């Protein structure tokens, strides 16, 4: 079981949520599809087996994160709840915080696409490509996976840019 990979993904998501909310820490719940959890943990499990595996795995990291819980959220989803203690730890120790803070600042400030691209270039070797997709204008990611390995799909609407970010494997599975 690859618990560090799941914790890295969970930490990145919690970090982004807290930065968007401009909150120091709070209890957060996130829904994960079973196939995503299987990919992150490197195991093919039934939903029941996944809940048992997560319970054991989260018990082993309780000192840093507090007790992260998992429950069946229906429709093939599992709800992971991170207590405020864990959210604060993830925010303080998450990778790529400076980049994410700069990106969110640009997006909140109604920056142009050029300005948003400059944020990526400031933080690493960014790969950008124009997309032939009605939902997104550009795909951008860091070539060496630093400061993160997410795939950012950027859209320009009127006077501002928005983004969605995906793990590389999830992005590839969507077939954009």
N, C-alpha and C. Protein backbone atom coordinates (compact mmCIF):
# COMPACT_ATOMS: atom_id res chain seq x y z
N UNK A 1 0.85 -1.18 0.00
CA UNK A 1 0.00 0.00 0.00
C UNK A 1 0.89 1.24 0.00
N UNK A 2 0.56 2.19 -0.87
CA UNK A 2 1.35 3.42 -1.01
C UNK A 2 0.67 4.58 -0.28
N UNK A 3 0.64 4.50 1.04
CA UNK A 3 0.00 5.54 1.85
C UNK A 3 0.64 6.91 1.63
N UNK A 4 1.97 7.01 1.47
CA UNK A 4 2.55 8.35 1.23
C UNK A 4 1.98 9.03 -0.01
N UNK A 5 1.71 8.29 -1.08
CA UNK A 5 1.16 8.89 -2.30
C UNK A 5 -0.25 9.44 -2.03
N UNK A 6 -1.06 8.68 -1.29
CA UNK A 6 -2.40 9.17 -0.95
C UNK A 6 -2.29 10.41 -0.07
N UNK A 7 -1.42 10.39 0.93
CA UNK A 7 -1.27 11.55 1.81
C UNK A 7 -0.77 12.77 1.06
N UNK A 8 0.10 12.56 0.08
CA UNK A 8 0.59 13.67 -0.74
C UNK A 8 -0.56 14.30 -1.53
N UNK A 9 -1.39 13.47 -2.13
CA UNK A 9 -2.54 13.96 -2.90
C UNK A 9 -3.53 14.66 -1.98
N UNK A 10 -3.84 14.04 -0.88
CA UNK A 10 -4.78 14.61 0.09
C UNK A 10 -4.24 15.94 0.62
N UNK A 11 -2.96 15.98 0.95
CA UNK A 11 -2.34 17.20 1.47
C UNK A 11 -2.41 18.33 0.45
N UNK A 12 -2.13 18.03 -0.81
CA UNK A 12 -2.16 19.05 -1.86
C UNK A 12 -3.57 19.62 -2.02
N UNK A 13 -4.56 18.76 -1.93
CA UNK A 13 -5.94 19.21 -2.08
C UNK A 13 -6.38 20.05 -0.88
N UNK A 14 -6.04 19.59 0.32
CA UNK A 14 -6.38 20.34 1.52
C UNK A 14 -5.67 21.70 1.51
N UNK A 15 -4.40 21.70 1.14
CA UNK A 15 -3.64 22.95 1.07
C UNK A 15 -4.32 23.94 0.13
N UNK A 16 -4.71 23.47 -1.04
CA UNK A 16 -5.37 24.35 -2.01
C UNK A 16 -6.69 24.88 -1.46
N UNK A 17 -7.47 24.00 -0.83
CA UNK A 17 -8.76 24.42 -0.28
C UNK A 17 -8.58 25.51 0.78
N UNK A 18 -7.63 25.29 1.70
CA UNK A 18 -7.41 26.27 2.76
C UNK A 18 -6.90 27.59 2.22
N UNK A 19 -6.03 27.53 1.21
CA UNK A 19 -5.54 28.78 0.62
C UNK A 19 -6.66 29.53 -0.09
N UNK A 20 -7.53 28.80 -0.78
CA UNK A 20 -8.65 29.46 -1.46
C UNK A 20 -9.59 30.10 -0.46
N UNK A 21 -9.78 29.44 0.68
CA UNK A 21 -10.67 29.97 1.72
C UNK A 21 -9.98 30.99 2.61
N UNK A 22 -8.66 31.13 2.43
CA UNK A 22 -7.86 32.00 3.29
C UNK A 22 -8.09 31.65 4.76
N UNK A 23 -8.04 30.34 5.03
CA UNK A 23 -8.29 29.82 6.38
C UNK A 23 -7.04 29.13 6.91
N UNK A 24 -6.73 29.32 8.20
CA UNK A 24 -5.55 28.66 8.76
C UNK A 24 -5.74 27.15 8.92
N UNK A 25 -6.89 26.71 9.30
CA UNK A 25 -7.18 25.28 9.45
C UNK A 25 -8.64 25.10 9.83
N UNK A 26 -9.19 24.02 9.37
CA UNK A 26 -10.54 23.63 9.71
C UNK A 26 -10.71 22.18 9.30
N UNK A 27 -11.70 21.53 9.86
CA UNK A 27 -12.01 20.16 9.45
C UNK A 27 -12.56 20.21 8.03
N UNK A 28 -12.02 19.35 7.17
CA UNK A 28 -12.45 19.31 5.77
C UNK A 28 -12.80 17.89 5.37
N UNK A 29 -13.83 17.74 4.56
CA UNK A 29 -14.22 16.44 4.02
C UNK A 29 -14.11 16.48 2.50
N UNK A 30 -13.52 15.43 1.94
CA UNK A 30 -13.31 15.35 0.49
C UNK A 30 -13.80 14.00 0.00
N UNK A 31 -14.50 14.00 -1.11
CA UNK A 31 -14.97 12.75 -1.71
C UNK A 31 -13.98 12.28 -2.76
N UNK A 32 -13.58 11.02 -2.67
CA UNK A 32 -12.68 10.39 -3.63
C UNK A 32 -13.39 9.22 -4.29
N UNK A 33 -13.35 9.13 -5.61
CA UNK A 33 -13.86 7.93 -6.27
C UNK A 33 -12.97 6.73 -5.91
N UNK A 34 -13.58 5.57 -5.77
CA UNK A 34 -12.83 4.36 -5.44
C UNK A 34 -11.67 4.12 -6.40
N UNK A 35 -11.84 4.26 -7.73
CA UNK A 35 -10.71 4.03 -8.64
C UNK A 35 -9.52 4.97 -8.38
N UNK A 36 -9.79 6.20 -7.96
CA UNK A 36 -8.70 7.13 -7.65
C UNK A 36 -7.93 6.65 -6.43
N UNK A 37 -8.65 6.22 -5.40
CA UNK A 37 -7.98 5.69 -4.20
C UNK A 37 -7.19 4.43 -4.53
N UNK A 38 -7.74 3.58 -5.39
CA UNK A 38 -7.01 2.37 -5.81
C UNK A 38 -5.72 2.75 -6.52
N UNK A 39 -5.79 3.73 -7.40
CA UNK A 39 -4.59 4.18 -8.12
C UNK A 39 -3.57 4.75 -7.15
N UNK A 40 -4.01 5.58 -6.22
CA UNK A 40 -3.08 6.21 -5.28
C UNK A 40 -2.42 5.19 -4.35
N UNK A 41 -3.19 4.19 -3.94
CA UNK A 41 -2.65 3.19 -3.01
C UNK A 41 -1.99 2.02 -3.73
N UNK A 42 -2.24 1.90 -5.04
CA UNK A 42 -1.66 0.80 -5.80
C UNK A 42 -2.30 -0.54 -5.47
N UNK A 43 -3.58 -0.52 -5.13
CA UNK A 43 -4.29 -1.75 -4.75
C UNK A 43 -5.69 -1.77 -5.36
N UNK A 44 -6.11 -2.93 -5.82
CA UNK A 44 -7.47 -3.13 -6.31
C UNK A 44 -8.28 -3.71 -5.15
N UNK A 45 -9.23 -2.94 -4.64
CA UNK A 45 -9.98 -3.35 -3.46
C UNK A 45 -11.47 -3.06 -3.64
N UNK A 46 -12.29 -3.84 -2.96
CA UNK A 46 -13.71 -3.49 -2.90
C UNK A 46 -13.84 -2.25 -2.01
N UNK A 47 -15.01 -1.64 -2.05
CA UNK A 47 -15.22 -0.44 -1.24
C UNK A 47 -15.04 -0.78 0.25
N UNK A 48 -15.55 -1.90 0.67
CA UNK A 48 -15.43 -2.32 2.06
C UNK A 48 -13.96 -2.56 2.44
N UNK A 49 -13.24 -3.23 1.57
CA UNK A 49 -11.81 -3.47 1.82
C UNK A 49 -11.03 -2.15 1.85
N UNK A 50 -11.42 -1.22 0.99
CA UNK A 50 -10.75 0.08 0.96
C UNK A 50 -10.97 0.82 2.28
N UNK A 51 -12.19 0.79 2.79
CA UNK A 51 -12.47 1.45 4.07
C UNK A 51 -11.61 0.87 5.18
N UNK A 52 -11.46 -0.45 5.21
CA UNK A 52 -10.63 -1.11 6.23
C UNK A 52 -9.16 -0.72 6.06
N UNK A 53 -8.69 -0.70 4.81
CA UNK A 53 -7.30 -0.35 4.52
C UNK A 53 -7.02 1.09 4.93
N UNK A 54 -7.93 2.00 4.61
CA UNK A 54 -7.75 3.40 4.97
C UNK A 54 -7.74 3.59 6.48
N UNK A 55 -8.63 2.89 7.17
CA UNK A 55 -8.68 2.99 8.63
C UNK A 55 -7.34 2.60 9.25
N UNK A 56 -6.77 1.50 8.78
CA UNK A 56 -5.47 1.06 9.29
C UNK A 56 -4.36 2.04 8.90
N UNK A 57 -4.35 2.48 7.66
CA UNK A 57 -3.33 3.41 7.20
C UNK A 57 -3.37 4.74 7.93
N UNK A 58 -4.57 5.28 8.11
CA UNK A 58 -4.70 6.56 8.79
C UNK A 58 -4.36 6.45 10.28
N UNK A 59 -4.59 5.31 10.88
CA UNK A 59 -4.22 5.11 12.29
C UNK A 59 -2.71 5.26 12.46
N UNK A 60 -1.94 4.88 11.44
CA UNK A 60 -0.49 4.95 11.51
C UNK A 60 0.09 6.35 11.36
N UNK A 61 -0.72 7.31 10.97
CA UNK A 61 -0.22 8.69 10.80
C UNK A 61 -0.96 9.67 11.69
N UNK A 62 -1.63 9.15 12.68
CA UNK A 62 -2.48 9.95 13.55
C UNK A 62 -1.69 11.01 14.33
N UNK A 63 -0.43 10.75 14.65
CA UNK A 63 0.36 11.72 15.41
C UNK A 63 0.49 13.05 14.68
N UNK A 64 0.71 13.00 13.37
CA UNK A 64 0.87 14.23 12.58
C UNK A 64 -0.47 14.84 12.17
N UNK A 65 -1.40 13.99 11.76
CA UNK A 65 -2.61 14.48 11.10
C UNK A 65 -3.88 14.43 11.97
N UNK A 66 -3.79 13.87 13.15
CA UNK A 66 -5.01 13.60 13.89
C UNK A 66 -5.69 12.41 13.22
N UNK A 67 -6.88 12.07 13.66
CA UNK A 67 -7.56 10.90 13.10
C UNK A 67 -8.33 11.26 11.83
N UNK A 68 -7.76 10.90 10.69
CA UNK A 68 -8.45 11.05 9.41
C UNK A 68 -9.41 9.86 9.30
N UNK A 69 -10.66 10.14 8.97
CA UNK A 69 -11.65 9.07 8.86
C UNK A 69 -12.11 8.91 7.42
N UNK A 70 -12.64 7.73 7.14
CA UNK A 70 -13.18 7.43 5.81
C UNK A 70 -14.54 6.77 5.99
N UNK A 71 -15.47 7.14 5.12
CA UNK A 71 -16.80 6.53 5.15
C UNK A 71 -17.33 6.42 3.73
N UNK A 72 -18.27 5.53 3.55
CA UNK A 72 -18.93 5.35 2.27
C UNK A 72 -19.82 6.58 2.02
N UNK A 73 -19.59 7.26 0.91
CA UNK A 73 -20.40 8.43 0.57
C UNK A 73 -21.43 8.11 -0.51
N UNK A 74 -21.53 6.84 -0.90
CA UNK A 74 -22.48 6.44 -1.92
C UNK A 74 -21.96 6.68 -3.32
N UNK A 75 -22.56 6.01 -4.28
CA UNK A 75 -22.24 6.17 -5.69
C UNK A 75 -20.76 5.97 -6.01
N UNK A 76 -20.12 5.03 -5.32
CA UNK A 76 -18.71 4.73 -5.60
C UNK A 76 -17.73 5.72 -5.03
N UNK A 77 -18.18 6.57 -4.12
CA UNK A 77 -17.32 7.58 -3.50
C UNK A 77 -17.04 7.24 -2.04
N UNK A 78 -15.85 7.59 -1.60
CA UNK A 78 -15.51 7.50 -0.19
C UNK A 78 -15.19 8.91 0.29
N UNK A 79 -15.74 9.28 1.43
CA UNK A 79 -15.54 10.59 2.01
C UNK A 79 -14.42 10.51 3.04
N UNK A 80 -13.35 11.25 2.81
CA UNK A 80 -12.24 11.32 3.74
C UNK A 80 -12.37 12.63 4.51
N UNK A 81 -12.37 12.55 5.83
CA UNK A 81 -12.49 13.74 6.67
C UNK A 81 -11.19 13.95 7.41
N UNK A 82 -10.61 15.12 7.18
CA UNK A 82 -9.34 15.51 7.78
C UNK A 82 -9.66 16.49 8.91
N UNK A 83 -9.25 16.17 10.15
CA UNK A 83 -9.52 17.10 11.24
C UNK A 83 -8.69 18.37 11.11
N UNK A 84 -9.06 19.40 11.85
CA UNK A 84 -8.36 20.69 11.78
C UNK A 84 -6.87 20.53 12.04
N UNK A 85 -6.49 19.66 12.97
CA UNK A 85 -5.07 19.42 13.27
C UNK A 85 -4.34 18.95 12.01
N UNK A 86 -4.92 18.02 11.31
CA UNK A 86 -4.32 17.49 10.09
C UNK A 86 -4.28 18.52 8.99
N UNK A 87 -5.34 19.29 8.86
CA UNK A 87 -5.39 20.34 7.83
C UNK A 87 -4.30 21.38 8.08
N UNK A 88 -4.09 21.76 9.35
CA UNK A 88 -3.04 22.73 9.68
C UNK A 88 -1.67 22.16 9.34
N UNK A 89 -1.46 20.88 9.63
CA UNK A 89 -0.18 20.24 9.33
C UNK A 89 0.05 20.20 7.81
N UNK A 90 -0.99 19.85 7.06
CA UNK A 90 -0.88 19.77 5.60
C UNK A 90 -0.59 21.14 5.00
N UNK A 91 -1.21 22.17 5.53
CA UNK A 91 -0.98 23.52 5.04
C UNK A 91 0.46 23.95 5.32
N UNK A 92 0.96 23.64 6.51
CA UNK A 92 2.30 24.06 6.90
C UNK A 92 3.41 23.28 6.21
N UNK A 93 3.14 22.01 5.87
CA UNK A 93 4.19 21.14 5.35
C UNK A 93 3.98 20.72 3.90
N UNK A 94 2.96 21.25 3.25
CA UNK A 94 2.68 20.86 1.87
C UNK A 94 3.71 21.39 0.89
N UNK A 95 3.96 20.62 -0.15
CA UNK A 95 4.91 21.03 -1.19
C UNK A 95 4.26 22.06 -2.11
N UNK A 96 5.06 22.93 -2.69
CA UNK A 96 4.59 23.87 -3.70
C UNK A 96 3.74 25.01 -3.20
N UNK A 97 3.84 25.33 -1.90
CA UNK A 97 2.98 26.37 -1.33
C UNK A 97 3.22 27.74 -1.98
N UNK A 98 4.46 28.09 -2.24
CA UNK A 98 4.75 29.41 -2.82
C UNK A 98 4.13 29.54 -4.20
N UNK A 99 4.28 28.50 -5.03
CA UNK A 99 3.67 28.53 -6.36
C UNK A 99 2.16 28.66 -6.26
N UNK A 100 1.56 27.82 -5.44
CA UNK A 100 0.10 27.81 -5.34
C UNK A 100 -0.41 29.16 -4.83
N UNK A 101 0.28 29.73 -3.88
CA UNK A 101 -0.11 31.04 -3.35
C UNK A 101 -0.04 32.10 -4.46
N UNK A 102 1.03 32.06 -5.26
CA UNK A 102 1.16 33.02 -6.37
C UNK A 102 0.09 32.80 -7.44
N UNK A 103 -0.20 31.54 -7.74
CA UNK A 103 -1.23 31.23 -8.74
C UNK A 103 -2.59 31.73 -8.28
N UNK A 104 -2.94 31.42 -7.05
CA UNK A 104 -4.23 31.86 -6.52
C UNK A 104 -4.31 33.39 -6.47
N UNK A 105 -3.21 34.04 -6.12
CA UNK A 105 -3.19 35.50 -6.12
C UNK A 105 -3.45 36.06 -7.50
N UNK A 106 -2.85 35.47 -8.51
CA UNK A 106 -3.05 35.94 -9.88
C UNK A 106 -4.49 35.71 -10.33
N UNK A 107 -5.02 34.53 -10.05
CA UNK A 107 -6.38 34.21 -10.49
C UNK A 107 -7.40 35.08 -9.75
N UNK A 108 -7.21 35.27 -8.46
CA UNK A 108 -8.13 36.13 -7.69
C UNK A 108 -8.02 37.59 -8.14
N UNK A 109 -6.84 37.98 -8.61
CA UNK A 109 -6.61 39.37 -9.03
C UNK A 109 -7.00 39.64 -10.46
N UNK A 110 -7.70 38.72 -11.10
CA UNK A 110 -8.15 38.90 -12.48
C UNK A 110 -6.99 39.14 -13.44
N UNK A 111 -5.93 38.37 -13.26
CA UNK A 111 -4.76 38.47 -14.13
C UNK A 111 -5.09 37.95 -15.53
N UNK A 112 -4.31 38.40 -16.49
CA UNK A 112 -4.46 37.92 -17.87
C UNK A 112 -3.85 36.52 -17.98
N UNK A 113 -4.11 35.85 -19.08
CA UNK A 113 -3.52 34.54 -19.32
C UNK A 113 -1.99 34.66 -19.32
N UNK A 114 -1.47 35.71 -19.91
CA UNK A 114 -0.03 35.94 -19.95
C UNK A 114 0.54 36.06 -18.53
N UNK A 115 -0.16 36.78 -17.65
CA UNK A 115 0.28 36.93 -16.27
C UNK A 115 0.27 35.59 -15.53
N UNK A 116 -0.74 34.78 -15.77
CA UNK A 116 -0.83 33.47 -15.12
C UNK A 116 0.29 32.57 -15.63
N UNK A 117 0.56 32.62 -16.93
CA UNK A 117 1.67 31.82 -17.48
C UNK A 117 3.00 32.26 -16.86
N UNK A 118 3.14 33.54 -16.59
CA UNK A 118 4.37 34.05 -15.97
C UNK A 118 4.55 33.48 -14.56
N UNK A 119 3.45 33.23 -13.85
CA UNK A 119 3.54 32.61 -12.52
C UNK A 119 4.15 31.22 -12.65
N UNK A 120 3.71 30.46 -13.64
CA UNK A 120 4.27 29.12 -13.85
C UNK A 120 5.77 29.22 -14.16
N UNK A 121 6.13 30.12 -15.07
CA UNK A 121 7.54 30.27 -15.46
C UNK A 121 8.41 30.71 -14.30
N UNK A 122 7.87 31.50 -13.41
CA UNK A 122 8.62 31.97 -12.24
C UNK A 122 9.01 30.80 -11.33
N UNK A 123 8.18 29.76 -11.31
CA UNK A 123 8.38 28.68 -10.33
C UNK A 123 8.98 27.41 -10.92
N UNK A 124 9.27 27.39 -12.20
CA UNK A 124 9.88 26.19 -12.76
C UNK A 124 9.78 26.16 -14.28
N UNK A 125 10.22 25.03 -14.85
CA UNK A 125 10.13 24.86 -16.31
C UNK A 125 8.73 24.37 -16.66
N UNK A 126 7.93 25.29 -17.13
CA UNK A 126 6.54 24.98 -17.42
C UNK A 126 6.35 24.59 -18.88
N UNK A 127 5.54 23.59 -19.10
CA UNK A 127 5.13 23.19 -20.44
C UNK A 127 3.71 23.71 -20.62
N UNK A 128 3.46 24.46 -21.69
CA UNK A 128 2.13 24.99 -21.97
C UNK A 128 1.75 24.63 -23.39
N UNK A 129 0.52 24.17 -23.56
CA UNK A 129 0.04 23.89 -24.91
C UNK A 129 -1.41 24.33 -25.04
N UNK A 130 -1.69 24.92 -26.19
CA UNK A 130 -3.04 25.33 -26.53
C UNK A 130 -3.88 24.07 -26.71
N UNK A 131 -5.08 24.08 -26.15
CA UNK A 131 -5.94 22.91 -26.21
C UNK A 131 -7.07 23.15 -27.22
N UNK A 132 -7.44 22.09 -27.89
CA UNK A 132 -8.61 22.11 -28.76
C UNK A 132 -9.75 21.48 -27.98
N UNK A 133 -10.27 22.24 -27.03
CA UNK A 133 -11.26 21.73 -26.11
C UNK A 133 -12.21 22.87 -25.75
N UNK A 134 -13.51 22.62 -25.77
CA UNK A 134 -14.44 23.72 -25.47
C UNK A 134 -14.41 24.18 -24.01
N UNK A 135 -13.86 23.35 -23.11
CA UNK A 135 -13.84 23.70 -21.69
C UNK A 135 -12.59 24.45 -21.26
N UNK A 136 -11.44 24.15 -21.89
CA UNK A 136 -10.17 24.71 -21.44
C UNK A 136 -9.39 25.26 -22.62
N UNK A 137 -8.64 26.32 -22.36
CA UNK A 137 -7.83 26.94 -23.40
C UNK A 137 -6.40 26.42 -23.44
N UNK A 138 -5.83 26.13 -22.26
CA UNK A 138 -4.43 25.69 -22.18
C UNK A 138 -4.27 24.57 -21.17
N UNK A 139 -3.35 23.69 -21.47
CA UNK A 139 -2.84 22.71 -20.52
C UNK A 139 -1.45 23.19 -20.11
N UNK A 140 -1.20 23.28 -18.81
CA UNK A 140 0.10 23.71 -18.31
C UNK A 140 0.53 22.77 -17.19
N UNK A 141 1.81 22.40 -17.21
CA UNK A 141 2.37 21.60 -16.12
C UNK A 141 3.88 21.81 -16.07
N UNK A 142 4.46 21.43 -14.95
CA UNK A 142 5.91 21.56 -14.78
C UNK A 142 6.58 20.31 -15.34
N UNK A 143 7.52 20.52 -16.25
CA UNK A 143 8.15 19.42 -16.96
C UNK A 143 8.85 18.42 -16.04
N UNK A 144 9.46 18.92 -14.98
CA UNK A 144 10.18 18.03 -14.06
C UNK A 144 9.38 17.70 -12.81
N UNK A 145 8.10 18.08 -12.78
CA UNK A 145 7.25 17.77 -11.63
C UNK A 145 7.52 18.64 -10.41
N UNK A 146 8.30 19.71 -10.59
CA UNK A 146 8.61 20.60 -9.46
C UNK A 146 8.12 22.00 -9.77
N UNK A 147 7.36 22.64 -8.96
CA UNK A 147 7.03 22.32 -7.58
C UNK A 147 5.90 21.31 -7.39
N UNK A 148 5.18 20.96 -8.45
CA UNK A 148 4.19 19.90 -8.33
C UNK A 148 4.01 19.21 -9.68
N UNK A 149 3.30 18.10 -9.66
CA UNK A 149 3.14 17.31 -10.89
C UNK A 149 1.71 17.37 -11.43
N UNK A 150 0.92 18.30 -10.95
CA UNK A 150 -0.47 18.41 -11.43
C UNK A 150 -0.52 18.92 -12.86
N UNK A 151 -1.62 18.62 -13.52
CA UNK A 151 -1.94 19.15 -14.83
C UNK A 151 -2.97 20.26 -14.62
N UNK A 152 -2.63 21.46 -15.05
CA UNK A 152 -3.50 22.62 -14.89
C UNK A 152 -4.19 22.92 -16.21
N UNK A 153 -5.50 22.93 -16.20
CA UNK A 153 -6.29 23.29 -17.38
C UNK A 153 -6.81 24.70 -17.15
N UNK A 154 -6.33 25.63 -17.98
CA UNK A 154 -6.65 27.04 -17.82
C UNK A 154 -7.71 27.48 -18.83
N UNK A 155 -8.59 28.36 -18.36
CA UNK A 155 -9.62 28.94 -19.22
C UNK A 155 -9.66 30.43 -18.99
N UNK A 156 -9.88 31.17 -20.08
CA UNK A 156 -10.06 32.61 -19.95
C UNK A 156 -11.52 32.92 -20.25
N UNK A 157 -12.16 33.59 -19.29
CA UNK A 157 -13.56 33.98 -19.42
C UNK A 157 -13.64 35.47 -19.17
N UNK A 158 -13.97 36.20 -20.20
CA UNK A 158 -14.05 37.64 -20.04
C UNK A 158 -12.71 38.19 -19.58
N UNK A 159 -12.69 38.80 -18.41
CA UNK A 159 -11.48 39.45 -17.94
C UNK A 159 -10.68 38.66 -16.92
N UNK A 160 -10.97 37.35 -16.76
CA UNK A 160 -10.18 36.62 -15.77
C UNK A 160 -9.90 35.18 -16.24
N UNK A 161 -8.93 34.57 -15.56
CA UNK A 161 -8.51 33.21 -15.86
C UNK A 161 -8.93 32.31 -14.71
N UNK A 162 -9.43 31.14 -15.03
CA UNK A 162 -9.73 30.13 -14.02
C UNK A 162 -8.95 28.86 -14.35
N UNK A 163 -8.87 27.98 -13.39
CA UNK A 163 -8.13 26.74 -13.61
C UNK A 163 -8.79 25.57 -12.90
N UNK A 164 -8.51 24.40 -13.41
CA UNK A 164 -8.80 23.13 -12.74
C UNK A 164 -7.49 22.38 -12.76
N UNK A 165 -7.20 21.69 -11.67
CA UNK A 165 -5.96 20.91 -11.67
C UNK A 165 -6.28 19.45 -11.39
N UNK A 166 -5.51 18.60 -12.04
CA UNK A 166 -5.73 17.17 -11.97
C UNK A 166 -4.40 16.45 -11.78
N UNK A 167 -4.43 15.32 -11.10
CA UNK A 167 -3.26 14.45 -11.10
C UNK A 167 -3.03 14.00 -12.54
N UNK A 168 -1.78 13.75 -12.90
CA UNK A 168 -1.45 13.37 -14.27
C UNK A 168 -2.29 12.17 -14.73
N UNK A 169 -2.40 11.16 -13.89
CA UNK A 169 -3.14 9.95 -14.27
C UNK A 169 -4.62 10.24 -14.47
N UNK A 170 -5.19 11.07 -13.61
CA UNK A 170 -6.61 11.43 -13.77
C UNK A 170 -6.80 12.24 -15.05
N UNK A 171 -5.92 13.19 -15.30
CA UNK A 171 -6.00 13.99 -16.51
C UNK A 171 -5.98 13.09 -17.75
N UNK A 172 -5.03 12.16 -17.79
CA UNK A 172 -4.90 11.26 -18.94
C UNK A 172 -6.13 10.38 -19.10
N UNK A 173 -6.74 9.98 -18.00
CA UNK A 173 -7.93 9.11 -18.09
C UNK A 173 -9.15 9.85 -18.66
N UNK A 174 -9.16 11.20 -18.56
CA UNK A 174 -10.28 11.97 -19.09
C UNK A 174 -10.25 12.05 -20.61
N UNK A 175 -9.10 11.88 -21.21
CA UNK A 175 -9.00 11.89 -22.67
C UNK A 175 -9.23 13.25 -23.30
N UNK A 176 -8.85 14.32 -22.65
CA UNK A 176 -9.02 15.67 -23.23
C UNK A 176 -8.26 15.78 -24.52
